[in-house]
Amino acid sequence: MNRVSVSSSNLRSVGYDQANQVLEIEFNGGSVYQYFDVPKQIHQELMNAASHGKYFHRNIKDNYSYDQVK
């Protein structure tokens, strides 16, 4: 999945597979997680948030199932 670099103290890059509603996040520590059944709107809001890290922690982290892929 292609990811886009973001300016964040927590997140390094974010990718989204719209067809499968999979959000992929690479953290600054190098780990990569995929979050499942994430609506397109959530991805858009994350990318437009003033703070990507705060948006992630408030709206994604504990709200979607996930797997660590790296």
C-alpha atoms as a PDB file:
ATOM      1  CA  MET A   1       0.000   0.000   0.000  1.00  0.00           C
ATOM      2  CA  ASN A   2       1.308   3.446  -0.858  1.00  0.00           C
ATOM      3  CA  ARG A   3       1.609   5.766   2.107  1.00  0.00           C
ATOM      4  CA  VAL A   4       1.929   9.543   2.233  1.00  0.00           C
ATOM      5  CA  SER A   5       4.380  11.156   4.648  1.00  0.00           C
ATOM      6  CA  VAL A   6       2.787  13.312   7.324  1.00  0.00           C
ATOM      7  CA  SER A   7       4.248  15.900   9.651  1.00  0.00           C
ATOM      8  CA  SER A   8       3.622  14.473  13.103  1.00  0.00           C
ATOM      9  CA  SER A   9       5.502  13.695  16.281  1.00  0.00           C
ATOM     10  CA  ASN A  10       3.820  10.247  16.357  1.00  0.00           C
ATOM     11  CA  LEU A  11       3.011   9.230  12.778  1.00  0.00           C
ATOM     12  CA  ARG A  12       5.447   8.955   9.869  1.00  0.00           C
ATOM     13  CA  SER A  13       3.096   8.043   7.012  1.00  0.00           C
ATOM     14  CA  VAL A  14      -0.521   7.146   6.261  1.00  0.00           C
ATOM     15  CA  GLY A  15      -2.034   5.034   3.503  1.00  0.00           C
ATOM     16  CA  TYR A  16      -5.605   4.099   2.668  1.00  0.00           C
ATOM     17  CA  ASP A  17      -7.156   1.351   0.553  1.00  0.00           C
ATOM     18  CA  GLN A  18     -10.615   2.670  -0.221  1.00  0.00           C
ATOM     19  CA  ALA A  19     -11.900  -0.538  -1.826  1.00  0.00           C
ATOM     20  CA  ASN A  20     -11.171  -2.547   1.331  1.00  0.00           C
ATOM     21  CA  GLN A  21     -11.468   0.306   3.857  1.00  0.00           C
ATOM     22  CA  VAL A  22      -8.017  -0.415   5.279  1.00  0.00           C
ATOM     23  CA  LEU A  23      -6.069   2.410   6.888  1.00  0.00           C
ATOM     24  CA  GLU A  24      -2.324   1.798   7.166  1.00  0.00           C
ATOM     25  CA  ILE A  25      -0.232   3.861   9.547  1.00  0.00           C
ATOM     26  CA  GLU A  26       3.525   3.871   9.942  1.00  0.00           C
ATOM     27  CA  PHE A  27       4.661   5.231  13.283  1.00  0.00           C
ATOM     28  CA  ASN A  28       7.868   7.159  13.854  1.00  0.00           C
ATOM     29  CA  GLY A  29       9.334   4.144  15.651  1.00  0.00           C
ATOM     30  CA  GLY A  30       9.057   2.133  12.417  1.00  0.00           C
ATOM     31  CA  SER A  31       6.103  -0.104  13.265  1.00  0.00           C
ATOM     32  CA  VAL A  32       3.247  -0.352  10.757  1.00  0.00           C
ATOM     33  CA  TYR A  33      -0.367  -1.128  11.621  1.00  0.00           C
ATOM     34  CA  GLN A  34      -3.420  -1.733   9.460  1.00  0.00           C
ATOM     35  CA  TYR A  35      -6.836  -0.677  10.793  1.00  0.00           C
ATOM     36  CA  PHE A  36      -9.896  -2.360   9.284  1.00  0.00           C
ATOM     37  CA  ASP A  37     -13.354  -1.138   8.209  1.00  0.00           C
ATOM     38  CA  VAL A  38     -12.266   2.502   8.412  1.00  0.00           C
ATOM     39  CA  PRO A  39     -14.612   4.773   6.426  1.00  0.00           C
ATOM     40  CA  LYS A  40     -13.154   7.067   3.785  1.00  0.00           C
ATOM     41  CA  GLN A  41     -14.345  10.085   5.798  1.00  0.00           C
ATOM     42  CA  ILE A  42     -12.172   9.079   8.773  1.00  0.00           C
ATOM     43  CA  HIS A  43      -9.115   8.863   6.519  1.00  0.00           C
ATOM     44  CA  GLN A  44      -9.903  12.276   5.045  1.00  0.00           C
ATOM     45  CA  GLU A  45     -10.385  13.814   8.481  1.00  0.00           C
ATOM     46  CA  LEU A  46      -7.100  12.293   9.665  1.00  0.00           C
ATOM     47  CA  MET A  47      -5.235  13.751   6.705  1.00  0.00           C
ATOM     48  CA  ASN A  48      -6.829  17.175   7.209  1.00  0.00           C
ATOM     49  CA  ALA A  49      -6.401  17.280  10.988  1.00  0.00           C
ATOM     50  CA  ALA A  50      -4.259  20.001  12.526  1.00  0.00           C
ATOM     51  CA  SER A  51      -2.641  17.246  14.605  1.00  0.00           C
ATOM     52  CA  HIS A  52      -2.539  13.820  12.951  1.00  0.00           C
ATOM     53  CA  GLY A  53      -1.423  12.156  16.188  1.00  0.00           C
ATOM     54  CA  LYS A  54      -4.211  13.650  18.298  1.00  0.00           C
ATOM     55  CA  TYR A  55      -6.821  12.744  15.680  1.00  0.00           C
ATOM     56  CA  PHE A  56      -5.485   9.178  15.563  1.00  0.00           C
ATOM     57  CA  HIS A  57      -5.621   8.770  19.338  1.00  0.00           C
ATOM     58  CA  ARG A  58      -9.117  10.275  19.665  1.00  0.00           C
ATOM     59  CA  ASN A  59     -10.829   8.713  16.666  1.00  0.00           C
ATOM     60  CA  ILE A  60      -8.995   5.628  15.423  1.00  0.00           C
ATOM     61  CA  LYS A  61      -6.753   3.910  17.975  1.00  0.00           C
ATOM     62  CA  ASP A  62      -9.372   2.152  20.112  1.00  0.00           C
ATOM     63  CA  ASN A  63     -12.252   2.250  17.632  1.00  0.00           C
ATOM     64  CA  TYR A  64     -11.139  -0.177  14.899  1.00  0.00           C
ATOM     65  CA  SER A  65      -9.706  -3.671  14.799  1.00  0.00           C
ATOM     66  CA  TYR A  66      -6.101  -3.798  13.643  1.00  0.00           C
ATOM     67  CA  ASP A  67      -3.054  -5.926  12.923  1.00  0.00           C
ATOM     68  CA  GLN A  68       0.590  -5.047  13.185  1.00  0.00           C
ATOM     69  CA  VAL A  69       2.220  -5.723   9.818  1.00  0.00           C
ATOM     70  CA  LYS A  70       5.748  -4.572  10.634  1.00  0.00           C
END
